[in-house]
Amino acid sequence: MDLITLLPFIVLIGAMFLMTRSAKKKQAAAAQMRNDMQPGTGVRTIGGMYATVKEVHDDTVLLEVAPGVHAVYAKNAIGAVLDDAEYNRIVHGDDQELDADGTVVPDDASSLTGDADAEVAKIDLGKDDADAEPEDAVAKDVKDGKDAKSEGKTDGDADSK
């Protein structure tokens, strides 16, 4: 056999080896993270629930999901072990969110207008009284049956007469 015909197979086997190697590294890192869990640390489950570790067993962990509420989870269900600052920021909202420069990001756009105490001009989106037909006249026409549909007229008949 020629070396050129074997080259695609060698490249394919090499790529498969590299992919499985990186996957094994990720699995080993996740297993090490789960084994390093200590009671009192904050975790996020693979379902997205945040909790505090109370007890660690061989294959399970006891999590406190709320004060006084405990649940048993498999160790494989732990998606991330969080440091104390990150856990408190997410769960308790201790820190305000900062942007890249380290300044506080406002929750609303009120601080962007410049003068927060200035009175806001209100816009009336309702109809003008001169443009609108009085409500009593509309109600009277409907009550008397003078609507074009109730008289059996179509739009073409009403326009032609």
N, C-alpha and C. Protein backbone atom coordinates (compact mmCIF):
# COMPACT_ATOMS: atom_id res chain seq x y z
N MET A 1 0.82 -1.18 0.00
CA MET A 1 0.00 0.00 0.00
C MET A 1 0.87 1.25 0.00
N ASP A 2 0.31 2.22 -0.60
CA ASP A 2 1.02 3.48 -0.74
C ASP A 2 0.78 4.35 0.51
N LEU A 3 1.74 5.14 0.90
CA LEU A 3 1.65 6.02 2.07
C LEU A 3 0.57 7.09 1.87
N ILE A 4 0.39 7.53 0.64
CA ILE A 4 -0.60 8.59 0.35
C ILE A 4 -2.02 8.06 0.56
N THR A 5 -2.27 6.82 0.30
CA THR A 5 -3.61 6.27 0.53
C THR A 5 -3.88 6.08 2.01
N LEU A 6 -2.85 5.86 2.82
CA LEU A 6 -3.02 5.69 4.26
C LEU A 6 -3.09 7.02 5.01
N LEU A 7 -2.65 8.11 4.41
CA LEU A 7 -2.60 9.41 5.07
C LEU A 7 -3.97 9.88 5.58
N PRO A 8 -5.07 9.80 4.83
CA PRO A 8 -6.37 10.23 5.37
C PRO A 8 -6.79 9.42 6.60
N PHE A 9 -6.51 8.14 6.61
CA PHE A 9 -6.87 7.31 7.76
C PHE A 9 -6.04 7.69 8.98
N ILE A 10 -4.78 8.01 8.78
CA ILE A 10 -3.90 8.40 9.88
C ILE A 10 -4.36 9.74 10.47
N VAL A 11 -4.73 10.67 9.62
CA VAL A 11 -5.22 11.97 10.07
C VAL A 11 -6.53 11.80 10.83
N LEU A 12 -7.42 10.96 10.36
CA LEU A 12 -8.70 10.71 11.01
C LEU A 12 -8.49 10.10 12.39
N ILE A 13 -7.62 9.14 12.49
CA ILE A 13 -7.34 8.50 13.79
C ILE A 13 -6.70 9.50 14.74
N GLY A 14 -5.82 10.33 14.25
CA GLY A 14 -5.19 11.36 15.09
C GLY A 14 -6.22 12.37 15.60
N ALA A 15 -7.14 12.79 14.75
CA ALA A 15 -8.17 13.74 15.18
C ALA A 15 -9.08 13.11 16.23
N MET A 16 -9.44 11.86 16.04
CA MET A 16 -10.27 11.17 17.04
C MET A 16 -9.53 11.05 18.37
N PHE A 17 -8.26 10.78 18.33
CA PHE A 17 -7.46 10.68 19.55
C PHE A 17 -7.45 12.02 20.29
N LEU A 18 -7.25 13.12 19.56
CA LEU A 18 -7.20 14.44 20.19
C LEU A 18 -8.55 14.82 20.80
N MET A 19 -9.65 14.48 20.11
CA MET A 19 -10.98 14.81 20.63
C MET A 19 -11.29 14.03 21.90
N THR A 20 -10.99 12.74 21.90
CA THR A 20 -11.26 11.94 23.09
C THR A 20 -10.36 12.35 24.25
N ARG A 21 -9.16 12.77 23.95
CA ARG A 21 -8.24 13.21 25.00
C ARG A 21 -8.75 14.48 25.68
N SER A 22 -9.25 15.45 24.91
CA SER A 22 -9.77 16.68 25.50
C SER A 22 -11.06 16.40 26.29
N ALA A 23 -11.88 15.49 25.80
CA ALA A 23 -13.10 15.14 26.53
C ALA A 23 -12.76 14.46 27.86
N LYS A 24 -11.76 13.61 27.85
CA LYS A 24 -11.34 12.95 29.09
C LYS A 24 -10.78 13.95 30.08
N LYS A 25 -10.07 14.97 29.60
CA LYS A 25 -9.55 16.01 30.49
C LYS A 25 -10.68 16.79 31.14
N LYS A 26 -11.72 17.09 30.36
CA LYS A 26 -12.87 17.82 30.91
C LYS A 26 -13.60 16.98 31.94
N GLN A 27 -13.76 15.68 31.67
CA GLN A 27 -14.42 14.80 32.62
C GLN A 27 -13.61 14.68 33.90
N ALA A 28 -12.30 14.58 33.77
CA ALA A 28 -11.44 14.47 34.96
C ALA A 28 -11.50 15.76 35.78
N ALA A 29 -11.53 16.91 35.13
CA ALA A 29 -11.62 18.18 35.85
C ALA A 29 -12.95 18.30 36.58
N ALA A 30 -14.05 17.86 35.94
CA ALA A 30 -15.37 17.91 36.58
C ALA A 30 -15.42 16.96 37.77
N ALA A 31 -14.83 15.77 37.64
CA ALA A 31 -14.81 14.82 38.74
C ALA A 31 -13.98 15.35 39.90
N GLN A 32 -12.86 16.00 39.60
CA GLN A 32 -12.03 16.58 40.64
C GLN A 32 -12.77 17.71 41.36
N MET A 33 -13.50 18.52 40.61
CA MET A 33 -14.28 19.61 41.20
C MET A 33 -15.33 19.04 42.15
N ARG A 34 -16.01 17.97 41.74
CA ARG A 34 -17.04 17.37 42.58
C ARG A 34 -16.43 16.72 43.83
N ASN A 35 -15.23 16.15 43.69
CA ASN A 35 -14.59 15.53 44.85
C ASN A 35 -14.05 16.56 45.83
N ASP A 36 -13.77 17.78 45.36
CA ASP A 36 -13.25 18.83 46.23
C ASP A 36 -14.35 19.61 46.95
N MET A 37 -15.61 19.24 46.75
CA MET A 37 -16.71 19.94 47.43
C MET A 37 -16.58 19.76 48.93
N GLN A 38 -16.82 20.83 49.66
CA GLN A 38 -16.81 20.80 51.11
C GLN A 38 -18.15 21.32 51.62
N PRO A 39 -18.60 20.88 52.78
CA PRO A 39 -19.82 21.44 53.36
C PRO A 39 -19.69 22.95 53.54
N GLY A 40 -20.74 23.66 53.16
CA GLY A 40 -20.75 25.12 53.28
C GLY A 40 -20.48 25.84 51.98
N THR A 41 -20.05 25.13 50.94
CA THR A 41 -19.79 25.80 49.67
C THR A 41 -21.08 25.90 48.85
N GLY A 42 -21.15 26.89 48.02
CA GLY A 42 -22.30 27.07 47.14
C GLY A 42 -22.09 26.33 45.83
N VAL A 43 -23.15 25.72 45.32
CA VAL A 43 -23.06 24.97 44.07
C VAL A 43 -24.23 25.33 43.17
N ARG A 44 -24.07 25.03 41.88
CA ARG A 44 -25.16 25.12 40.91
C ARG A 44 -25.33 23.73 40.32
N THR A 45 -26.57 23.24 40.31
CA THR A 45 -26.82 21.93 39.75
C THR A 45 -26.91 22.03 38.23
N ILE A 46 -26.93 20.88 37.56
CA ILE A 46 -27.03 20.90 36.10
C ILE A 46 -28.40 21.40 35.66
N GLY A 47 -29.36 21.41 36.57
CA GLY A 47 -30.69 21.95 36.27
C GLY A 47 -30.78 23.45 36.50
N GLY A 48 -29.71 24.05 37.06
CA GLY A 48 -29.71 25.50 37.25
C GLY A 48 -30.11 25.95 38.64
N MET A 49 -30.26 25.03 39.58
CA MET A 49 -30.65 25.40 40.94
C MET A 49 -29.40 25.69 41.78
N TYR A 50 -29.45 26.76 42.55
CA TYR A 50 -28.35 27.13 43.43
C TYR A 50 -28.66 26.63 44.83
N ALA A 51 -27.65 26.06 45.50
CA ALA A 51 -27.84 25.51 46.83
C ALA A 51 -26.52 25.52 47.58
N THR A 52 -26.59 25.21 48.87
CA THR A 52 -25.42 25.12 49.73
C THR A 52 -25.20 23.66 50.11
N VAL A 53 -23.97 23.19 50.03
CA VAL A 53 -23.65 21.80 50.37
C VAL A 53 -23.68 21.65 51.88
N LYS A 54 -24.42 20.65 52.36
CA LYS A 54 -24.48 20.35 53.79
C LYS A 54 -23.64 19.12 54.13
N GLU A 55 -23.76 18.06 53.34
CA GLU A 55 -23.00 16.83 53.57
C GLU A 55 -22.55 16.27 52.23
N VAL A 56 -21.36 15.66 52.22
CA VAL A 56 -20.84 15.02 51.03
C VAL A 56 -20.64 13.54 51.33
N HIS A 57 -21.24 12.67 50.52
CA HIS A 57 -21.09 11.22 50.66
C HIS A 57 -20.35 10.70 49.42
N ASP A 58 -20.27 9.37 49.29
CA ASP A 58 -19.53 8.78 48.18
C ASP A 58 -20.11 9.17 46.82
N ASP A 59 -21.41 8.92 46.63
CA ASP A 59 -22.05 9.20 45.33
C ASP A 59 -23.11 10.29 45.41
N THR A 60 -23.42 10.78 46.60
CA THR A 60 -24.49 11.76 46.76
C THR A 60 -24.01 12.95 47.58
N VAL A 61 -24.76 14.02 47.49
CA VAL A 61 -24.54 15.21 48.33
C VAL A 61 -25.88 15.65 48.88
N LEU A 62 -25.86 16.17 50.09
CA LEU A 62 -27.05 16.74 50.71
C LEU A 62 -26.97 18.24 50.52
N LEU A 63 -27.94 18.82 49.82
CA LEU A 63 -27.96 20.25 49.53
C LEU A 63 -29.06 20.93 50.30
N GLU A 64 -28.78 22.14 50.76
CA GLU A 64 -29.81 22.97 51.38
C GLU A 64 -30.26 23.98 50.32
N VAL A 65 -31.46 23.77 49.79
CA VAL A 65 -31.95 24.61 48.69
C VAL A 65 -32.62 25.87 49.20
N ALA A 66 -33.08 25.86 50.44
CA ALA A 66 -33.65 27.01 51.11
C ALA A 66 -33.43 26.79 52.60
N PRO A 67 -33.55 27.81 53.41
CA PRO A 67 -33.33 27.60 54.84
C PRO A 67 -34.28 26.53 55.40
N GLY A 68 -33.68 25.44 55.87
CA GLY A 68 -34.45 24.35 56.44
C GLY A 68 -34.95 23.33 55.43
N VAL A 69 -34.68 23.52 54.14
CA VAL A 69 -35.14 22.61 53.10
C VAL A 69 -33.92 21.89 52.53
N HIS A 70 -33.88 20.56 52.69
CA HIS A 70 -32.73 19.77 52.25
C HIS A 70 -33.16 18.80 51.16
N ALA A 71 -32.25 18.52 50.25
CA ALA A 71 -32.51 17.56 49.17
C ALA A 71 -31.22 16.78 48.90
N VAL A 72 -31.39 15.50 48.55
CA VAL A 72 -30.26 14.65 48.24
C VAL A 72 -30.11 14.61 46.72
N TYR A 73 -28.90 14.88 46.23
CA TYR A 73 -28.60 14.88 44.80
C TYR A 73 -27.42 13.95 44.54
N ALA A 74 -27.37 13.42 43.35
CA ALA A 74 -26.20 12.66 42.91
C ALA A 74 -25.05 13.63 42.67
N LYS A 75 -23.84 13.19 42.92
CA LYS A 75 -22.69 14.07 42.69
C LYS A 75 -22.59 14.49 41.23
N ASN A 76 -23.01 13.62 40.33
CA ASN A 76 -22.96 13.94 38.90
C ASN A 76 -23.92 15.07 38.53
N ALA A 77 -24.88 15.38 39.41
CA ALA A 77 -25.84 16.44 39.12
C ALA A 77 -25.30 17.82 39.47
N ILE A 78 -24.12 17.91 40.05
CA ILE A 78 -23.52 19.20 40.39
C ILE A 78 -22.80 19.71 39.15
N GLY A 79 -23.25 20.86 38.66
CA GLY A 79 -22.66 21.43 37.44
C GLY A 79 -21.47 22.31 37.72
N ALA A 80 -21.46 23.02 38.85
CA ALA A 80 -20.35 23.92 39.17
C ALA A 80 -20.29 24.16 40.66
N VAL A 81 -19.09 24.24 41.18
CA VAL A 81 -18.86 24.65 42.55
C VAL A 81 -18.45 26.11 42.50
N LEU A 82 -19.19 26.96 43.21
CA LEU A 82 -19.00 28.41 43.12
C LEU A 82 -18.20 28.91 44.31
N ASP A 83 -17.40 29.95 44.10
CA ASP A 83 -16.74 30.56 45.24
C ASP A 83 -17.76 31.40 46.01
N ASP A 84 -17.41 31.77 47.24
CA ASP A 84 -18.37 32.44 48.12
C ASP A 84 -18.87 33.76 47.55
N ALA A 85 -18.00 34.55 46.96
CA ALA A 85 -18.40 35.86 46.43
C ALA A 85 -19.40 35.71 45.29
N GLU A 86 -19.14 34.78 44.39
CA GLU A 86 -20.05 34.58 43.26
C GLU A 86 -21.40 34.02 43.72
N TYR A 87 -21.37 33.08 44.64
CA TYR A 87 -22.61 32.50 45.16
C TYR A 87 -23.46 33.57 45.86
N ASN A 88 -22.83 34.39 46.71
CA ASN A 88 -23.58 35.44 47.40
C ASN A 88 -24.10 36.49 46.44
N ARG A 89 -23.35 36.78 45.37
CA ARG A 89 -23.82 37.77 44.38
C ARG A 89 -25.06 37.25 43.66
N ILE A 90 -25.04 35.96 43.29
CA ILE A 90 -26.15 35.40 42.53
C ILE A 90 -27.37 35.16 43.41
N VAL A 91 -27.18 34.52 44.55
CA VAL A 91 -28.30 34.10 45.38
C VAL A 91 -28.85 35.23 46.23
N HIS A 92 -27.96 35.98 46.88
CA HIS A 92 -28.39 37.01 47.82
C HIS A 92 -28.37 38.41 47.22
N GLY A 93 -27.75 38.57 46.06
CA GLY A 93 -27.68 39.89 45.43
C GLY A 93 -26.83 40.86 46.21
N ASP A 94 -25.74 40.39 46.81
CA ASP A 94 -24.92 41.25 47.67
C ASP A 94 -24.23 42.37 46.90
N ASP A 95 -23.63 42.08 45.77
CA ASP A 95 -22.91 43.09 45.00
C ASP A 95 -23.78 43.66 43.90
N GLN A 96 -23.54 44.92 43.57
CA GLN A 96 -24.20 45.49 42.40
C GLN A 96 -23.40 45.08 41.18
N GLU A 97 -24.10 44.99 40.05
CA GLU A 97 -23.41 44.60 38.82
C GLU A 97 -22.52 45.74 38.34
N LEU A 98 -21.30 45.39 37.94
CA LEU A 98 -20.34 46.37 37.46
C LEU A 98 -20.06 46.11 35.99
N ASP A 99 -19.81 47.18 35.24
CA ASP A 99 -19.43 46.98 33.84
C ASP A 99 -17.92 46.80 33.76
N ALA A 100 -17.36 46.81 32.57
CA ALA A 100 -15.93 46.54 32.37
C ALA A 100 -15.04 47.58 33.05
N ASP A 101 -15.51 48.81 33.19
CA ASP A 101 -14.71 49.86 33.81
C ASP A 101 -14.81 49.85 35.33
N GLY A 102 -15.70 49.03 35.89
CA GLY A 102 -15.87 48.97 37.33
C GLY A 102 -16.92 49.94 37.84
N THR A 103 -17.72 50.54 36.97
CA THR A 103 -18.77 51.45 37.40
C THR A 103 -20.08 50.69 37.52
N VAL A 104 -20.96 51.19 38.35
CA VAL A 104 -22.24 50.54 38.60
C VAL A 104 -23.14 50.72 37.39
N VAL A 105 -23.77 49.65 36.98
CA VAL A 105 -24.70 49.69 35.85
C VAL A 105 -26.09 49.93 36.40
N PRO A 106 -26.80 51.00 35.96
CA PRO A 106 -28.13 51.28 36.50
C PRO A 106 -29.16 50.26 36.02
N ASP A 107 -30.20 50.06 36.85
CA ASP A 107 -31.26 49.14 36.49
C ASP A 107 -32.22 49.73 35.47
N ASP A 108 -32.34 51.05 35.42
CA ASP A 108 -33.26 51.68 34.48
C ASP A 108 -32.54 52.82 33.76
N ALA A 109 -33.24 53.47 32.87
CA ALA A 109 -32.63 54.53 32.06
C ALA A 109 -32.81 55.91 32.68
N SER A 110 -33.31 56.02 33.91
CA SER A 110 -33.56 57.32 34.50
C SER A 110 -32.28 58.12 34.71
N SER A 111 -31.18 57.44 34.96
CA SER A 111 -29.93 58.17 35.18
C SER A 111 -29.30 58.65 33.88
N LEU A 112 -29.78 58.19 32.75
CA LEU A 112 -29.20 58.56 31.48
C LEU A 112 -29.77 59.87 30.93
N THR A 113 -30.88 60.36 31.50
CA THR A 113 -31.52 61.56 30.98
C THR A 113 -30.82 62.83 31.44
N GLY A 114 -29.96 62.77 32.40
CA GLY A 114 -29.22 63.95 32.82
C GLY A 114 -29.84 64.59 34.04
N ASP A 115 -31.04 65.12 33.94
CA ASP A 115 -31.69 65.80 35.05
C ASP A 115 -32.83 64.91 35.54
N ALA A 116 -32.60 64.23 36.62
CA ALA A 116 -33.60 63.27 37.12
C ALA A 116 -34.79 63.97 37.75
N ASP A 117 -34.60 65.25 38.24
CA ASP A 117 -35.70 65.95 38.90
C ASP A 117 -36.55 66.75 37.93
N ALA A 118 -36.16 66.84 36.67
CA ALA A 118 -36.92 67.62 35.70
C ALA A 118 -38.26 66.95 35.46
N GLU A 119 -39.25 67.80 35.29
CA GLU A 119 -40.58 67.27 35.06
C GLU A 119 -40.69 66.72 33.64
N VAL A 120 -41.28 65.57 33.51
CA VAL A 120 -41.40 64.91 32.22
C VAL A 120 -42.66 65.42 31.54
N ALA A 121 -42.51 65.84 30.28
CA ALA A 121 -43.66 66.31 29.52
C ALA A 121 -44.53 65.12 29.17
N LYS A 122 -45.81 65.23 29.49
CA LYS A 122 -46.73 64.13 29.22
C LYS A 122 -47.42 64.38 27.89
N ILE A 123 -47.55 63.33 27.12
CA ILE A 123 -48.16 63.41 25.81
C ILE A 123 -49.54 62.78 25.90
N ASP A 124 -50.57 63.50 25.42
CA ASP A 124 -51.93 62.98 25.42
C ASP A 124 -52.14 62.23 24.11
N LEU A 125 -52.32 60.93 24.21
CA LEU A 125 -52.49 60.11 23.02
C LEU A 125 -53.97 59.87 22.68
N GLY A 126 -54.86 60.51 23.41
CA GLY A 126 -56.29 60.34 23.15
C GLY A 126 -56.75 61.19 21.98
N LYS A 127 -57.99 60.96 21.56
CA LYS A 127 -58.56 61.74 20.45
C LYS A 127 -58.96 63.12 20.93
N ASP A 128 -58.90 64.09 20.02
CA ASP A 128 -59.41 65.42 20.33
C ASP A 128 -60.93 65.36 20.35
N ASP A 129 -61.55 66.19 21.18
CA ASP A 129 -63.01 66.17 21.28
C ASP A 129 -63.67 66.64 19.99
N ALA A 130 -63.03 67.54 19.24
CA ALA A 130 -63.60 68.05 18.00
C ALA A 130 -63.60 66.97 16.91
N ASP A 131 -62.59 66.10 16.92
CA ASP A 131 -62.49 65.07 15.89
C ASP A 131 -63.40 63.89 16.17
N ALA A 132 -63.69 63.64 17.42
CA ALA A 132 -64.46 62.45 17.78
C ALA A 132 -65.94 62.76 17.75
N GLU A 133 -66.72 61.77 17.39
CA GLU A 133 -68.17 61.89 17.41
C GLU A 133 -68.61 61.74 18.86
N PRO A 134 -69.56 62.50 19.31
CA PRO A 134 -70.00 62.38 20.70
C PRO A 134 -70.47 60.95 21.00
N GLU A 135 -70.15 60.50 22.20
CA GLU A 135 -70.48 59.12 22.57
C GLU A 135 -71.99 58.91 22.61
N ASP A 136 -72.74 59.92 23.01
CA ASP A 136 -74.20 59.77 23.09
C ASP A 136 -74.80 59.56 21.71
N ALA A 137 -74.28 60.24 20.68
CA ALA A 137 -74.79 60.09 19.32
C ALA A 137 -74.51 58.70 18.79
N VAL A 138 -73.34 58.16 19.08
CA VAL A 138 -73.00 56.81 18.64
C VAL A 138 -73.91 55.81 19.33
N ALA A 139 -74.11 55.97 20.61
CA ALA A 139 -74.97 55.05 21.35
C ALA A 139 -76.41 55.15 20.83
N LYS A 140 -76.88 56.37 20.49
CA LYS A 140 -78.24 56.55 20.00
C LYS A 140 -78.40 55.87 18.64
N ASP A 141 -77.39 56.02 17.73
CA ASP A 141 -77.47 55.38 16.41
C ASP A 141 -77.53 53.87 16.53
N VAL A 142 -76.74 53.31 17.43
CA VAL A 142 -76.74 51.86 17.61
C VAL A 142 -78.07 51.41 18.18
N LYS A 143 -78.62 52.19 19.12
CA LYS A 143 -79.89 51.84 19.75
C LYS A 143 -81.03 51.92 18.74
N ASP A 144 -81.02 52.94 17.89
CA ASP A 144 -82.09 53.12 16.90
C ASP A 144 -81.93 52.17 15.72
N GLY A 145 -80.79 51.51 15.58
CA GLY A 145 -80.58 50.59 14.47
C GLY A 145 -80.20 51.30 13.18
N LYS A 146 -79.60 52.46 13.28
CA LYS A 146 -79.23 53.21 12.09
C LYS A 146 -77.87 52.82 11.56
N ASP A 147 -77.34 51.77 12.05
CA ASP A 147 -76.06 51.28 11.56
C ASP A 147 -76.27 50.75 10.15
N ALA A 148 -75.29 50.94 9.25
CA ALA A 148 -75.42 50.52 7.85
C ALA A 148 -75.62 49.02 7.74
N LYS A 149 -75.03 48.26 8.61
CA LYS A 149 -75.18 46.81 8.55
C LYS A 149 -76.58 46.39 8.99
N SER A 150 -77.14 47.10 9.99
CA SER A 150 -78.47 46.71 10.46
C SER A 150 -79.55 47.07 9.46
N GLU A 151 -79.31 48.04 8.57
CA GLU A 151 -80.27 48.40 7.56
C GLU A 151 -80.12 47.55 6.31
N GLY A 152 -79.18 46.62 6.29
CA GLY A 152 -79.00 45.74 5.15
C GLY A 152 -78.18 46.36 4.05
N LYS A 153 -77.53 47.46 4.31
CA LYS A 153 -76.73 48.12 3.29
C LYS A 153 -75.31 47.58 3.33
N THR A 154 -74.70 47.54 2.19
CA THR A 154 -73.29 47.21 2.13
C THR A 154 -72.52 48.51 1.96
N ASP A 155 -71.20 48.45 1.99
CA ASP A 155 -70.41 49.65 1.84
C ASP A 155 -70.63 50.29 0.49
N GLY A 156 -70.82 49.50 -0.55
CA GLY A 156 -71.05 50.05 -1.90
C GLY A 156 -72.40 50.75 -1.98
N ASP A 157 -73.46 50.19 -1.34
CA ASP A 157 -74.78 50.79 -1.37
C ASP A 157 -74.78 52.12 -0.61
N ALA A 158 -74.09 52.20 0.52
CA ALA A 158 -74.08 53.42 1.30
C ALA A 158 -73.37 54.55 0.55
N ASP A 159 -72.35 54.19 -0.23
CA ASP A 159 -71.62 55.22 -0.97
C ASP A 159 -72.43 55.70 -2.18
N SER A 160 -73.22 54.84 -2.82
CA SER A 160 -73.90 55.22 -4.04
C SER A 160 -75.14 56.06 -3.75
N LYS A 161 -75.72 56.01 -2.59
CA LYS A 161 -76.94 56.77 -2.30
C LYS A 161 -76.68 58.04 -1.63
